[in-house]
C-alpha atoms as a PDB file:
ATOM      1  CA  MET A   1      36.679   4.382  -7.325  1.00  0.00           C
ATOM      2  CA  TRP A   2      32.903   4.495  -7.311  1.00  0.00           C
ATOM      3  CA  PRO A   3      30.947   7.676  -8.743  1.00  0.00           C
ATOM      4  CA  TRP A   4      29.989   8.900  -5.332  1.00  0.00           C
ATOM      5  CA  GLU A   5      33.469   8.541  -4.052  1.00  0.00           C
ATOM      6  CA  HIS A   6      34.764  10.636  -6.898  1.00  0.00           C
ATOM      7  CA  ALA A   7      31.814  13.242  -6.282  1.00  0.00           C
ATOM      8  CA  ILE A   8      32.984  13.511  -2.614  1.00  0.00           C
ATOM      9  CA  VAL A   9      36.436  14.289  -3.683  1.00  0.00           C
ATOM     10  CA  GLY A  10      35.326  16.750  -6.349  1.00  0.00           C
ATOM     11  CA  TYR A  11      32.975  18.680  -3.919  1.00  0.00           C
ATOM     12  CA  LEU A  12      35.521  18.710  -1.208  1.00  0.00           C
ATOM     13  CA  ALA A  13      38.274  20.113  -3.440  1.00  0.00           C
ATOM     14  CA  TYR A  14      36.201  22.933  -4.820  1.00  0.00           C
ATOM     15  CA  SER A  15      34.611  23.779  -1.587  1.00  0.00           C
ATOM     16  CA  VAL A  16      38.124  24.102   0.083  1.00  0.00           C
ATOM     17  CA  PHE A  17      39.190  26.174  -2.844  1.00  0.00           C
ATOM     18  CA  SER A  18      36.152  28.383  -2.793  1.00  0.00           C
ATOM     19  CA  HIS A  19      36.625  29.181   0.933  1.00  0.00           C
ATOM     20  CA  CYS A  20      40.214  29.850   0.578  1.00  0.00           C
ATOM     21  CA  TYR A  21      40.152  31.855  -2.702  1.00  0.00           C
ATOM     22  CA  TYR A  22      36.613  33.544  -2.763  1.00  0.00           C
ATOM     23  CA  ARG A  23      36.009  33.602   0.921  1.00  0.00           C
ATOM     24  CA  ARG A  24      32.546  32.076   0.398  1.00  0.00           C
ATOM     25  CA  SER A  25      30.820  28.740   0.092  1.00  0.00           C
ATOM     26  CA  PRO A  26      30.126  27.292  -3.415  1.00  0.00           C
ATOM     27  CA  ASP A  27      26.874  28.345  -5.050  1.00  0.00           C
ATOM     28  CA  GLY A  28      24.559  25.939  -6.547  1.00  0.00           C
ATOM     29  CA  LEU A  29      25.918  25.933 -10.128  1.00  0.00           C
ATOM     30  CA  GLU A  30      29.472  25.646  -8.926  1.00  0.00           C
ATOM     31  CA  ALA A  31      28.792  22.816  -6.663  1.00  0.00           C
ATOM     32  CA  PHE A  32      26.734  20.951  -9.230  1.00  0.00           C
ATOM     33  CA  THR A  33      29.485  21.455 -11.924  1.00  0.00           C
ATOM     34  CA  ALA A  34      32.162  20.116  -9.663  1.00  0.00           C
ATOM     35  CA  VAL A  35      30.170  16.957  -8.747  1.00  0.00           C
ATOM     36  CA  PHE A  36      29.188  16.363 -12.481  1.00  0.00           C
ATOM     37  CA  ALA A  37      32.729  16.882 -13.732  1.00  0.00           C
ATOM     38  CA  SER A  38      34.143  14.496 -11.113  1.00  0.00           C
ATOM     39  CA  VAL A  39      32.019  11.602 -12.568  1.00  0.00           C
ATOM     40  CA  LEU A  40      32.080  12.589 -16.078  1.00  0.00           C
ATOM     41  CA  PRO A  41      35.008  10.423 -17.164  1.00  0.00           C
ATOM     42  CA  ASP A  42      33.089   7.449 -16.113  1.00  0.00           C
ATOM     43  CA  LEU A  43      29.868   8.569 -17.854  1.00  0.00           C
ATOM     44  CA  ILE A  44      31.768   8.831 -21.068  1.00  0.00           C
ATOM     45  CA  ASP A  45      33.954   5.633 -21.049  1.00  0.00           C
ATOM     46  CA  LYS A  46      31.914   3.133 -19.200  1.00  0.00           C
ATOM     47  CA  PRO A  47      28.625   3.097 -21.291  1.00  0.00           C
ATOM     48  CA  LEU A  48      30.840   3.264 -24.463  1.00  0.00           C
ATOM     49  CA  ALA A  49      32.906   0.237 -23.413  1.00  0.00           C
ATOM     50  CA  TRP A  50      30.311  -1.903 -21.502  1.00  0.00           C
ATOM     51  CA  GLU A  51      27.200  -1.126 -23.637  1.00  0.00           C
ATOM     52  CA  TYR A  52      28.493  -0.195 -27.001  1.00  0.00           C
ATOM     53  CA  GLY A  53      31.904  -1.543 -27.349  1.00  0.00           C
ATOM     54  CA  VAL A  54      33.579   1.515 -28.638  1.00  0.00           C
ATOM     55  CA  PHE A  55      36.497   1.008 -26.259  1.00  0.00           C
ATOM     56  CA  THR A  56      37.915  -2.319 -25.016  1.00  0.00           C
ATOM     57  CA  THR A  57      37.876  -1.114 -21.316  1.00  0.00           C
ATOM     58  CA  GLY A  58      36.218   1.540 -19.101  1.00  0.00           C
ATOM     59  CA  TYR A  59      39.380   3.638 -19.071  1.00  0.00           C
ATOM     60  CA  ALA A  60      39.877   5.421 -22.412  1.00  0.00           C
ATOM     61  CA  LEU A  61      39.028   8.649 -23.879  1.00  0.00           C
ATOM     62  CA  GLY A  62      37.347  10.260 -20.891  1.00  0.00           C
ATOM     63  CA  HIS A  63      40.073   9.099 -18.476  1.00  0.00           C
ATOM     64  CA  SER A  64      42.916  10.220 -20.685  1.00  0.00           C
ATOM     65  CA  ILE A  65      44.983  13.216 -19.662  1.00  0.00           C
ATOM     66  CA  PHE A  66      45.279  14.297 -23.193  1.00  0.00           C
ATOM     67  CA  PHE A  67      41.565  14.607 -23.460  1.00  0.00           C
ATOM     68  CA  ALA A  68      41.034  15.894 -19.917  1.00  0.00           C
ATOM     69  CA  VAL A  69      43.368  18.779 -19.986  1.00  0.00           C
ATOM     70  CA  PRO A  70      42.325  20.438 -23.183  1.00  0.00           C
ATOM     71  CA  LEU A  71      38.611  19.999 -22.194  1.00  0.00           C
ATOM     72  CA  SER A  72      39.084  21.637 -18.870  1.00  0.00           C
ATOM     73  CA  ILE A  73      40.965  24.543 -20.497  1.00  0.00           C
ATOM     74  CA  ILE A  74      38.178  24.979 -23.130  1.00  0.00           C
ATOM     75  CA  VAL A  75      35.388  24.793 -20.338  1.00  0.00           C
ATOM     76  CA  GLY A  76      37.366  27.342 -18.192  1.00  0.00           C
ATOM     77  CA  LEU A  77      37.639  29.825 -21.011  1.00  0.00           C
ATOM     78  CA  LEU A  78      34.002  29.524 -21.813  1.00  0.00           C
ATOM     79  CA  ALA A  79      33.073  29.983 -18.217  1.00  0.00           C
ATOM     80  CA  ARG A  80      35.377  33.011 -17.838  1.00  0.00           C
ATOM     81  CA  ARG A  81      33.755  34.539 -20.978  1.00  0.00           C
ATOM     82  CA  ALA A  82      30.457  34.037 -19.345  1.00  0.00           C
ATOM     83  CA  ARG A  83      31.823  35.750 -16.202  1.00  0.00           C
ATOM     84  CA  ARG A  84      31.423  32.472 -14.236  1.00  0.00           C
ATOM     85  CA  THR A  85      35.117  31.771 -13.711  1.00  0.00           C
ATOM     86  CA  GLY A  86      34.228  29.800 -10.529  1.00  0.00           C
ATOM     87  CA  VAL A  87      32.242  27.101 -12.606  1.00  0.00           C
ATOM     88  CA  GLY A  88      35.157  26.645 -14.892  1.00  0.00           C
ATOM     89  CA  ILE A  89      37.490  26.099 -12.020  1.00  0.00           C
ATOM     90  CA  ALA A  90      34.913  23.811 -10.442  1.00  0.00           C
ATOM     91  CA  PHE A  91      34.758  21.686 -13.639  1.00  0.00           C
ATOM     92  CA  GLY A  92      38.639  21.488 -13.946  1.00  0.00           C
ATOM     93  CA  LEU A  93      39.094  20.435 -10.309  1.00  0.00           C
ATOM     94  CA  GLY A  94      36.263  17.837 -10.471  1.00  0.00           C
ATOM     95  CA  TYR A  95      37.349  16.389 -13.762  1.00  0.00           C
ATOM     96  CA  LEU A  96      41.091  16.382 -13.390  1.00  0.00           C
ATOM     97  CA  LEU A  97      41.099  15.041  -9.816  1.00  0.00           C
ATOM     98  CA  HIS A  98      39.211  12.025 -11.191  1.00  0.00           C
ATOM     99  CA  LEU A  99      42.218  10.609 -13.005  1.00  0.00           C
ATOM    100  CA  PRO A 100      44.807  10.443 -10.277  1.00  0.00           C
ATOM    101  CA  ALA A 101      42.159   9.444  -7.838  1.00  0.00           C
ATOM    102  CA  ASP A 102      41.606   6.135  -9.921  1.00  0.00           C
ATOM    103  CA  VAL A 103      45.461   5.525 -10.048  1.00  0.00           C
ATOM    104  CA  LEU A 104      45.523   6.080  -6.207  1.00  0.00           C
ATOM    105  CA  ASP A 105      42.683   3.807  -5.502  1.00  0.00           C
ATOM    106  CA  GLY A 106      44.267   0.958  -7.668  1.00  0.00           C
ATOM    107  CA  TYR A 107      47.494   1.346  -5.633  1.00  0.00           C
ATOM    108  CA  LEU A 108      45.695   1.390  -2.254  1.00  0.00           C
ATOM    109  CA  ARG A 109      43.568  -1.618  -3.168  1.00  0.00           C
ATOM    110  CA  GLY A 110      45.916  -3.695  -5.267  1.00  0.00           C
ATOM    111  CA  GLY A 111      49.355  -2.241  -4.555  1.00  0.00           C
ATOM    112  CA  ARG A 112      50.012  -1.288  -8.229  1.00  0.00           C
ATOM    113  CA  VAL A 113      50.527   2.313  -9.670  1.00  0.00           C
ATOM    114  CA  ARG A 114      48.492   2.007 -12.951  1.00  0.00           C
ATOM    115  CA  THR A 115      49.396   5.280 -14.779  1.00  0.00           C
ATOM    116  CA  GLU A 116      48.189   3.709 -17.897  1.00  0.00           C
ATOM    117  CA  LEU A 117      44.628   4.316 -16.727  1.00  0.00           C
ATOM    118  CA  MET A 118      45.022   7.963 -17.746  1.00  0.00           C
ATOM    119  CA  LEU A 119      47.309   7.842 -20.760  1.00  0.00           C
ATOM    120  CA  TRP A 120      45.037   6.392 -23.455  1.00  0.00           C
ATOM    121  CA  PRO A 121      45.805   6.007 -26.242  1.00  0.00           C
ATOM    122  CA  VAL A 122      49.442   6.120 -25.563  1.00  0.00           C
ATOM    123  CA  GLU A 123      49.071   3.317 -23.130  1.00  0.00           C
ATOM    124  CA  THR A 124      45.988   1.100 -22.641  1.00  0.00           C
ATOM    125  CA  VAL A 125      44.556  -0.989 -19.850  1.00  0.00           C
ATOM    126  CA  GLY A 126      45.767  -4.638 -20.460  1.00  0.00           C
ATOM    127  CA  SER A 127      42.553  -6.836 -20.446  1.00  0.00           C
ATOM    128  CA  ALA A 128      39.383  -6.129 -22.342  1.00  0.00           C
ATOM    129  CA  ASP A 129      36.122  -5.570 -20.209  1.00  0.00           C
ATOM    130  CA  GLU A 130      33.522  -8.130 -21.092  1.00  0.00           C
ATOM    131  CA  ARG A 131      30.575  -6.423 -23.081  1.00  0.00           C
ATOM    132  CA  THR A 132      27.649  -7.299 -20.758  1.00  0.00           C
ATOM    133  CA  GLY A 133      25.775  -3.970 -20.865  1.00  0.00           C
ATOM    134  CA  PHE A 134      26.142  -0.980 -18.687  1.00  0.00           C
ATOM    135  CA  SER A 135      23.506  -1.797 -16.250  1.00  0.00           C
ATOM    136  CA  ALA A 136      24.510  -5.437 -15.790  1.00  0.00           C
ATOM    137  CA  GLU A 137      28.079  -4.700 -15.296  1.00  0.00           C
ATOM    138  CA  PHE A 138      27.277  -1.915 -12.748  1.00  0.00           C
ATOM    139  CA  LEU A 139      25.132  -4.173 -10.800  1.00  0.00           C
ATOM    140  CA  ARG A 140      27.753  -6.878 -10.785  1.00  0.00           C
ATOM    141  CA  LEU A 141      30.386  -4.489  -9.430  1.00  0.00           C
ATOM    142  CA  PHE A 142      27.990  -2.724  -7.027  1.00  0.00           C
ATOM    143  CA  GLY A 143      26.922  -6.232  -5.674  1.00  0.00           C
ATOM    144  CA  ARG A 144      30.561  -6.994  -4.910  1.00  0.00           C
ATOM    145  CA  TYR A 145      30.818  -3.681  -3.079  1.00  0.00           C
ATOM    146  CA  GLN A 146      27.636  -4.123  -1.224  1.00  0.00           C
ATOM    147  CA  GLN A 147      28.707  -7.555  -0.070  1.00  0.00           C
ATOM    148  CA  GLU A 148      31.796  -6.072   1.572  1.00  0.00           C
ATOM    149  CA  LEU A 149      29.770  -3.447   3.505  1.00  0.00           C
ATOM    150  CA  LEU A 150      27.115  -5.965   4.583  1.00  0.00           C
ATOM    151  CA  ALA A 151      29.849  -8.299   5.791  1.00  0.00           C
ATOM    152  CA  GLY A 152      30.725  -5.924   8.561  1.00  0.00           C
ATOM    153  CA  GLU A 153      34.570  -6.555   8.288  1.00  0.00           C
ATOM    154  CA  LEU A 154      35.463  -3.215   6.581  1.00  0.00           C
ATOM    155  CA  SER A 155      39.013  -2.605   5.422  1.00  0.00           C
ATOM    156  CA  THR A 156      40.797   0.554   6.674  1.00  0.00           C
ATOM    157  CA  TYR A 157      40.415   2.026   3.205  1.00  0.00           C
ATOM    158  CA  VAL A 158      36.754   1.526   3.200  1.00  0.00           C
ATOM    159  CA  GLN A 159      36.509   2.992   6.702  1.00  0.00           C
ATOM    160  CA  LEU A 160      38.539   5.989   5.790  1.00  0.00           C
ATOM    161  CA  GLN A 161      36.078   6.458   2.741  1.00  0.00           C
ATOM    162  CA  LEU A 162      32.974   6.463   4.897  1.00  0.00           C
ATOM    163  CA  ALA A 163      34.568   8.897   7.508  1.00  0.00           C
ATOM    164  CA  LEU A 164      35.529  11.301   4.466  1.00  0.00           C
ATOM    165  CA  ALA A 165      31.801  11.019   3.226  1.00  0.00           C
ATOM    166  CA  GLY A 166      30.829  12.080   6.699  1.00  0.00           C
ATOM    167  CA  VAL A 167      33.049  14.983   6.753  1.00  0.00           C
ATOM    168  CA  VAL A 168      32.026  16.190   3.364  1.00  0.00           C
ATOM    169  CA  PHE A 169      28.296  15.861   3.993  1.00  0.00           C
ATOM    170  CA  ALA A 170      28.867  18.036   7.289  1.00  0.00           C
ATOM    171  CA  LEU A 171      30.867  20.477   5.103  1.00  0.00           C
ATOM    172  CA  TRP A 172      28.073  20.607   2.533  1.00  0.00           C
ATOM    173  CA  ILE A 173      25.451  21.492   5.401  1.00  0.00           C
ATOM    174  CA  VAL A 174      27.817  24.078   6.620  1.00  0.00           C
ATOM    175  CA  ASP A 175      28.084  25.496   3.125  1.00  0.00           C
ATOM    176  CA  GLY A 176      24.238  25.915   3.075  1.00  0.00           C
ATOM    177  CA  ALA A 177      23.472  22.748   1.103  1.00  0.00           C
ATOM    178  CA  PRO A 178      24.197  24.100  -2.354  1.00  0.00           C
ATOM    179  CA  VAL A 179      22.108  22.799  -5.174  1.00  0.00           C
ATOM    180  CA  LEU A 180      19.357  21.678  -2.740  1.00  0.00           C
ATOM    181  CA  ARG A 181      19.208  25.261  -1.470  1.00  0.00           C
ATOM    182  CA  GLU A 182      18.684  26.624  -5.015  1.00  0.00           C
ATOM    183  CA  CYS A 183      16.137  24.015  -5.677  1.00  0.00           C
ATOM    184  CA  LEU A 184      14.046  25.132  -2.797  1.00  0.00           C
ATOM    185  CA  VAL A 185      14.318  28.780  -3.474  1.00  0.00           C
ATOM    186  CA  GLY A 186      13.260  28.205  -7.137  1.00  0.00           C
ATOM    187  CA  SER A 187      10.275  25.805  -5.864  1.00  0.00           C
ATOM    188  CA  LYS A 188       9.149  28.603  -3.477  1.00  0.00           C
ATOM    189  CA  ARG A 189       9.412  31.280  -6.361  1.00  0.00           C
ATOM    190  CA  LEU A 190       7.567  28.989  -8.714  1.00  0.00           C
ATOM    191  CA  LEU A 191       4.821  28.354  -6.104  1.00  0.00           C
ATOM    192  CA  ARG A 192       4.411  32.044  -5.221  1.00  0.00           C
ATOM    193  CA  ARG A 193       4.048  32.760  -9.020  1.00  0.00           C
ATOM    194  CA  LEU A 194       1.402  30.055  -9.487  1.00  0.00           C
ATOM    195  CA  LEU A 195      -0.532  31.306  -6.351  1.00  0.00           C
ATOM    196  CA  GLY A 196      -0.341  34.895  -7.587  1.00  0.00           C
ATOM    197  CA  ARG A 197      -1.762  33.873 -10.813  1.00  0.00           C
ATOM    198  CA  SER A 198      -4.447  31.802  -9.378  1.00  0.00           C
ATOM    199  CA  GLU A 199      -5.409  34.781  -6.977  1.00  0.00           C
ATOM    200  CA  ARG A 200      -5.598  37.044 -10.060  1.00  0.00           C
ATOM    201  CA  SER A 201      -7.741  34.605 -11.987  1.00  0.00           C
ATOM    202  CA  VAL A 202     -10.454  34.417  -9.267  1.00  0.00           C
ATOM    203  CA  PRO A 203     -12.966  37.355  -9.812  1.00  0.00           C
ATOM    204  CA  SER A 204     -13.582  39.666  -6.974  1.00  0.00           C
ATOM    205  CA  SER A 205     -17.141  40.010  -5.416  1.00  0.00           C
ATOM    206  CA  ASP A 206     -17.533  43.500  -7.322  1.00  0.00           C
ATOM    207  CA  GLU A 207     -16.471  41.806 -10.552  1.00  0.00           C
ATOM    208  CA  ARG A 208     -19.102  38.933  -9.961  1.00  0.00           C
ATOM    209  CA  THR A 209     -21.777  41.363  -9.325  1.00  0.00           C
END
C-alpha cells in the first residue's frame, strides 16, 4: 500500500475508536500520531533497503510483528505515564494496522497471502530489491501508479480506495480538521503575541514628548 493509503486507514481507525470510546473527535496530537505511526514502518525499512542496503527488501525490521508489538507497548506505556493514553493508542493502531494492511493489499492485487511481509527475520521476502536509491525507487513506483490513474480504467480496488479517501476526508472535516486546527490556533496566538509586542514597543505620544 502507498503511504497515504496507510495514513487513511490509520486515521480512520483511531477516529472511530475515539468517537466510540472517548465520545469525542481526535485532538491534533492524536491525529498526527496515528498518521505518522501508520507510515513509520515504510519510513524505517524503505530508506534502509533502497538507499543504504541495510536490508535486502523494503519489508524487514519496521514491518516485523516481533518489532512492532514491543514498540507499540513501549510507546503506549510512555504515553500513559505522560497522561496521554490516547496518543499511545493512536500510535499502536496506526503502526499495527500497517502490517496486515500490506498483507491484504498483496492478496487483493496479486491473489497471494504473503504473511512473510510481517515475520522478519523468521521469514523474509524472497527477492532482493535493487538498490537504486530511495528517491529513484519511489518515483519509479509512483510513476507506475500514476499511469494507472491517468489511464482512466481504474480497477475496482483503486475505486474503493478513492471512495474510502473521500469518506475519511469528510470524517476529518467533521472532526474539526485536527492538526490543521491546532496549527491555525497556534498561528493566531503567535500573531497576537507579535502584534502585542510591537504595540508595546511603539512609544505613546506622551512618552515622545
